[in-house]
Amino acid sequence: MKSAQCDKRLAILQAALELIAEQGFHGAPMAMVADRAGGACKAFCVNGSGLWF
């Protein structure tokens, strides 16, 4: 995996963990995760096999 891609993935995962810890799973929609992860991480989707950019 490329370094920039890895950095984005880590930023998204960190943002998701923080939001879930603060607000619970249902209080952490993907739009909030994207906002917290930063502008470079806005375009992504999640499916059963992982994060895709």
C-alpha atoms as a PDB file:
ATOM      1  CA  MET A   1       0.000   0.000   0.000  1.00  0.00           C
ATOM      2  CA  LYS A   2       1.286   3.456  -0.857  1.00  0.00           C
ATOM      3  CA  SER A   3       2.292   5.719   2.031  1.00  0.00           C
ATOM      4  CA  ALA A   4      -0.269   8.454   1.272  1.00  0.00           C
ATOM      5  CA  GLN A   5      -3.017   5.864   0.986  1.00  0.00           C
ATOM      6  CA  CYS A   6      -1.916   4.321   4.267  1.00  0.00           C
ATOM      7  CA  ASP A   7      -1.939   7.766   5.946  1.00  0.00           C
ATOM      8  CA  LYS A   8      -5.511   8.401   4.747  1.00  0.00           C
ATOM      9  CA  ARG A   9      -6.636   5.009   5.939  1.00  0.00           C
ATOM     10  CA  LEU A  10      -5.100   5.602   9.373  1.00  0.00           C
ATOM     11  CA  ALA A  11      -6.665   9.078   9.608  1.00  0.00           C
ATOM     12  CA  ILE A  12     -10.108   7.643   8.817  1.00  0.00           C
ATOM     13  CA  LEU A  13      -9.725   4.799  11.304  1.00  0.00           C
ATOM     14  CA  GLN A  14      -8.506   7.161  14.034  1.00  0.00           C
ATOM     15  CA  ALA A  15     -11.400   9.542  13.407  1.00  0.00           C
ATOM     16  CA  ALA A  16     -13.893   6.670  13.519  1.00  0.00           C
ATOM     17  CA  LEU A  17     -12.462   5.316  16.774  1.00  0.00           C
ATOM     18  CA  GLU A  18     -12.569   8.746  18.415  1.00  0.00           C
ATOM     19  CA  LEU A  19     -16.153   9.443  17.347  1.00  0.00           C
ATOM     20  CA  ILE A  20     -17.395   6.011  18.384  1.00  0.00           C
ATOM     21  CA  ALA A  21     -15.708   6.399  21.782  1.00  0.00           C
ATOM     22  CA  GLU A  22     -17.290   9.842  22.233  1.00  0.00           C
ATOM     23  CA  GLN A  23     -20.766   9.293  20.782  1.00  0.00           C
ATOM     24  CA  GLY A  24     -21.299   5.563  20.347  1.00  0.00           C
ATOM     25  CA  PHE A  25     -21.524   3.616  17.106  1.00  0.00           C
ATOM     26  CA  HIS A  26     -24.847   5.078  15.977  1.00  0.00           C
ATOM     27  CA  GLY A  27     -23.673   8.589  16.803  1.00  0.00           C
ATOM     28  CA  ALA A  28     -20.738   8.385  14.406  1.00  0.00           C
ATOM     29  CA  PRO A  29     -22.083   8.557  10.828  1.00  0.00           C
ATOM     30  CA  MET A  30     -19.615   8.352   7.954  1.00  0.00           C
ATOM     31  CA  ALA A  31     -20.057  12.055   7.137  1.00  0.00           C
ATOM     32  CA  MET A  32     -18.795  12.971  10.617  1.00  0.00           C
ATOM     33  CA  VAL A  33     -15.905  10.527  10.308  1.00  0.00           C
ATOM     34  CA  ALA A  34     -14.933  12.117   6.986  1.00  0.00           C
ATOM     35  CA  ASP A  35     -15.116  15.612   8.471  1.00  0.00           C
ATOM     36  CA  ARG A  36     -12.959  14.651  11.419  1.00  0.00           C
ATOM     37  CA  ALA A  37     -10.452  12.804   9.207  1.00  0.00           C
ATOM     38  CA  GLY A  38      -9.839  15.958   7.177  1.00  0.00           C
ATOM     39  CA  GLY A  39     -10.405  17.320   3.710  1.00  0.00           C
ATOM     40  CA  ALA A  40      -8.065  14.849   2.029  1.00  0.00           C
ATOM     41  CA  CYS A  41     -10.189  11.965   3.286  1.00  0.00           C
ATOM     42  CA  LYS A  42     -13.611  13.112   2.128  1.00  0.00           C
ATOM     43  CA  ALA A  43     -13.906  10.733  -0.829  1.00  0.00           C
ATOM     44  CA  PHE A  44     -14.186   7.212   0.467  1.00  0.00           C
ATOM     45  CA  CYS A  45     -16.726   4.495   0.958  1.00  0.00           C
ATOM     46  CA  VAL A  46     -16.957   1.523   3.253  1.00  0.00           C
ATOM     47  CA  ASN A  47     -18.148  -1.940   2.405  1.00  0.00           C
ATOM     48  CA  GLY A  48     -17.884  -5.347   4.000  1.00  0.00           C
ATOM     49  CA  SER A  49     -14.331  -5.902   2.797  1.00  0.00           C
ATOM     50  CA  GLY A  50     -12.769  -2.681   4.096  1.00  0.00           C
ATOM     51  CA  LEU A  51     -12.122   0.966   3.332  1.00  0.00           C
ATOM     52  CA  TRP A  52     -11.740   2.079  -0.288  1.00  0.00           C
ATOM     53  CA  PHE A  53     -10.456   5.443  -1.477  1.00  0.00           C
END
